[in-house]
Amino acid sequence: MKEEFIRQIECYQGILQRICNVYFYHHPYKEDYYQEIIIRLWKAYPSFKKECAFSTWLYRVALNTAIDLLRKESVQPVHQSISPKEYELPYTPDSDERQEEREQLYHAINRLPDVDKAIILLYLEENEYKEIAAVVGISADYVGVKINRIKKQLMEILRNERG
């Protein structure tokens, strides 16, 4: 069981890093919180019934842990832009303008409420509405509604920041 868990975590560690980067951006305890997420995943692993994909279960536990840690520690996320390096996006030779647009988007995402961050993070990871719904605990139809609202919010944030 231990080996299987380690193998799964190694396979999905990029997702865990992105979650930490979105929720604990520039937080001094980001690495500690990453470890706490791993610990909670390990503790919850025996309850994983394989009724859903491992990635769905991992997202659910990791996102809930991140949100829980923010609430428990009363940590307010720092509203700074998230660079592609922080988000760990693969390098693509984009123009400087494209790079700046991407950073502005991550900055706007960082200003969203925690649950909306989770939804848009899952959406950007190209998860289906059904999987997003399973992770966040809402209906698949409502995921579509939330994504549209979040997109409008992001557009408003971007519009306000650009002046």
Protein backbone atom coordinates (compact mmCIF):
# COMPACT_ATOMS: atom_id res chain seq x y z
CA MET A 1 0.00 0.00 0.00
CA LYS A 2 2.84 2.40 0.87
CA GLU A 3 4.60 1.83 -2.45
CA GLU A 4 1.38 2.35 -4.40
CA PHE A 5 0.70 5.62 -2.55
CA ILE A 6 4.24 6.90 -3.17
CA ARG A 7 3.98 6.01 -6.86
CA GLN A 8 0.66 7.86 -7.18
CA ILE A 9 1.97 10.94 -5.35
CA GLU A 10 5.08 11.04 -7.55
CA CYS A 11 2.82 10.86 -10.59
CA TYR A 12 0.65 13.78 -9.40
CA GLN A 13 3.18 15.92 -7.56
CA GLY A 14 2.93 18.64 -10.22
CA ILE A 15 -0.75 19.10 -9.37
CA LEU A 16 0.12 19.37 -5.67
CA GLN A 17 2.81 21.96 -6.41
CA ARG A 18 0.38 24.05 -8.48
CA ILE A 19 -2.23 23.91 -5.71
CA CYS A 20 0.37 25.11 -3.21
CA ASN A 21 1.54 27.83 -5.57
CA VAL A 22 -1.99 29.12 -6.07
CA TYR A 23 -3.09 28.97 -2.43
CA PHE A 24 0.17 29.75 -0.63
CA TYR A 25 1.93 32.02 -3.10
CA HIS A 26 4.93 33.64 -1.39
CA HIS A 27 3.78 32.29 1.97
CA PRO A 28 6.75 31.52 4.24
CA TYR A 29 5.28 28.12 5.16
CA LYS A 30 4.44 27.00 1.61
CA GLU A 31 6.74 23.96 1.80
CA ASP A 32 5.35 23.04 5.23
CA TYR A 33 1.82 23.26 3.85
CA TYR A 34 2.86 21.06 0.90
CA GLN A 35 4.05 18.47 3.43
CA GLU A 36 0.80 18.82 5.39
CA ILE A 37 -1.17 18.10 2.23
CA ILE A 38 0.93 14.95 1.65
CA ILE A 39 0.35 13.87 5.27
CA ARG A 40 -3.40 14.35 4.98
CA LEU A 41 -3.43 12.46 1.69
CA TRP A 42 -1.58 9.59 3.38
CA LYS A 43 -3.99 9.57 6.33
CA ALA A 44 -6.98 9.61 3.98
CA TYR A 45 -5.53 7.04 1.57
CA PRO A 46 -7.05 3.99 3.31
CA SER A 47 -10.50 5.55 2.74
CA PHE A 48 -9.87 5.85 -1.02
CA LYS A 49 -12.42 3.36 -2.36
CA LYS A 50 -11.49 3.70 -6.05
CA GLU A 51 -15.06 4.79 -6.81
CA CYS A 52 -13.60 7.76 -8.65
CA ALA A 53 -10.31 8.44 -10.39
CA PHE A 54 -7.31 8.83 -8.10
CA SER A 55 -6.75 12.33 -9.48
CA THR A 56 -10.30 13.34 -8.51
CA TRP A 57 -9.79 12.06 -4.99
CA LEU A 58 -6.36 13.73 -4.78
CA TYR A 59 -7.75 17.08 -5.94
CA ARG A 60 -10.58 16.87 -3.42
CA VAL A 61 -8.33 16.11 -0.46
CA ALA A 62 -5.56 18.52 -1.49
CA LEU A 63 -7.87 21.46 -2.24
CA ASN A 64 -9.87 20.92 0.94
CA THR A 65 -6.64 20.74 2.92
CA ALA A 66 -5.32 23.96 1.35
CA ILE A 67 -8.55 25.80 2.09
CA ASP A 68 -8.64 24.34 5.60
CA LEU A 69 -5.06 25.44 6.28
CA LEU A 70 -5.85 28.96 5.14
CA ARG A 71 -8.87 29.12 7.40
CA LYS A 72 -7.18 27.56 10.43
CA GLU A 73 -4.09 29.70 10.23
CA SER A 74 -6.07 32.80 9.24
CA VAL A 75 -3.61 33.27 6.43
CA GLN A 76 -4.65 35.78 3.85
CA PRO A 77 -3.20 35.10 0.41
CA VAL A 78 -0.83 37.74 -0.86
CA HIS A 79 -2.27 39.38 -3.95
CA GLN A 80 0.72 39.29 -6.26
CA SER A 81 1.05 38.02 -9.75
CA ILE A 82 1.91 34.37 -10.24
CA SER A 83 4.58 33.81 -12.83
CA PRO A 84 4.53 30.73 -15.06
CA LYS A 85 7.59 29.53 -13.15
CA GLU A 86 5.63 29.70 -9.88
CA TYR A 87 2.72 27.88 -11.51
CA GLU A 88 5.20 25.44 -13.06
CA LEU A 89 3.88 25.74 -16.58
CA PRO A 90 6.05 24.10 -19.20
CA TYR A 91 8.23 26.57 -21.05
CA THR A 92 6.90 27.74 -24.34
CA PRO A 93 8.66 30.40 -26.39
CA ASP A 94 5.88 33.00 -26.13
CA SER A 95 6.22 36.63 -27.00
CA ASP A 96 6.79 39.04 -24.13
CA GLU A 97 3.22 40.28 -24.60
CA ARG A 98 1.80 36.75 -24.26
CA GLN A 99 3.94 36.18 -21.17
CA GLU A 100 2.66 39.39 -19.59
CA GLU A 101 -0.95 38.42 -20.34
CA ARG A 102 -0.41 35.05 -18.66
CA GLU A 103 1.05 36.69 -15.55
CA GLN A 104 -1.86 39.12 -15.39
CA LEU A 105 -4.27 36.20 -15.56
CA TYR A 106 -2.55 34.39 -12.68
CA HIS A 107 -2.56 37.60 -10.67
CA ALA A 108 -6.31 37.90 -11.25
CA ILE A 109 -6.86 34.23 -10.31
CA ASN A 110 -4.97 34.79 -7.08
CA ARG A 111 -7.54 37.46 -6.12
CA LEU A 112 -10.51 35.07 -6.36
CA PRO A 113 -12.16 33.40 -3.35
CA ASP A 114 -10.66 30.01 -2.46
CA VAL A 115 -13.40 27.83 -3.94
CA ASP A 116 -13.43 29.83 -7.18
CA LYS A 117 -9.64 29.44 -7.37
CA ALA A 118 -10.11 25.68 -7.06
CA ILE A 119 -12.73 25.61 -9.80
CA ILE A 120 -10.70 27.69 -12.26
CA LEU A 121 -7.52 25.75 -11.43
CA LEU A 122 -9.30 22.49 -12.26
CA TYR A 123 -10.76 24.07 -15.40
CA LEU A 124 -7.33 25.25 -16.56
CA GLU A 125 -6.00 21.74 -15.91
CA GLU A 126 -8.61 20.68 -18.52
CA ASN A 127 -10.70 18.58 -16.14
CA GLU A 128 -14.22 17.77 -17.24
CA TYR A 129 -17.16 19.46 -15.49
CA LYS A 130 -18.11 16.11 -13.96
CA GLU A 131 -14.69 15.74 -12.31
CA ILE A 132 -14.65 19.37 -11.15
CA ALA A 133 -18.09 18.80 -9.63
CA ALA A 134 -16.86 15.69 -7.81
CA VAL A 135 -13.85 17.55 -6.40
CA VAL A 136 -15.66 20.71 -5.33
CA GLY A 137 -18.92 19.09 -4.28
CA ILE A 138 -21.39 20.82 -6.60
CA SER A 139 -23.41 19.63 -9.57
CA ALA A 140 -21.81 19.43 -13.01
CA ASP A 141 -24.41 21.90 -14.34
CA TYR A 142 -23.51 24.38 -11.61
CA VAL A 143 -19.82 24.00 -12.50
CA GLY A 144 -20.61 25.49 -15.91
CA VAL A 145 -22.48 28.37 -14.29
CA LYS A 146 -19.62 28.98 -11.83
CA ILE A 147 -16.98 28.89 -14.57
CA ASN A 148 -18.90 31.48 -16.58
CA ARG A 149 -19.22 33.70 -13.51
CA ILE A 150 -15.55 33.26 -12.65
CA LYS A 151 -14.57 34.17 -16.22
CA LYS A 152 -16.64 37.36 -15.94
CA GLN A 153 -15.00 38.14 -12.58
CA LEU A 154 -11.55 37.60 -14.07
CA MET A 155 -12.38 39.85 -17.02
CA GLU A 156 -13.55 42.56 -14.61
CA ILE A 157 -10.38 42.25 -12.49
CA LEU A 158 -8.21 42.42 -15.61
CA ARG A 159 -10.16 45.37 -16.98
CA ASN A 160 -9.81 47.27 -13.68
CA GLU A 161 -6.09 46.56 -13.45
CA ARG A 162 -5.42 47.70 -16.99
CA GLY A 163 -7.26 50.94 -16.30
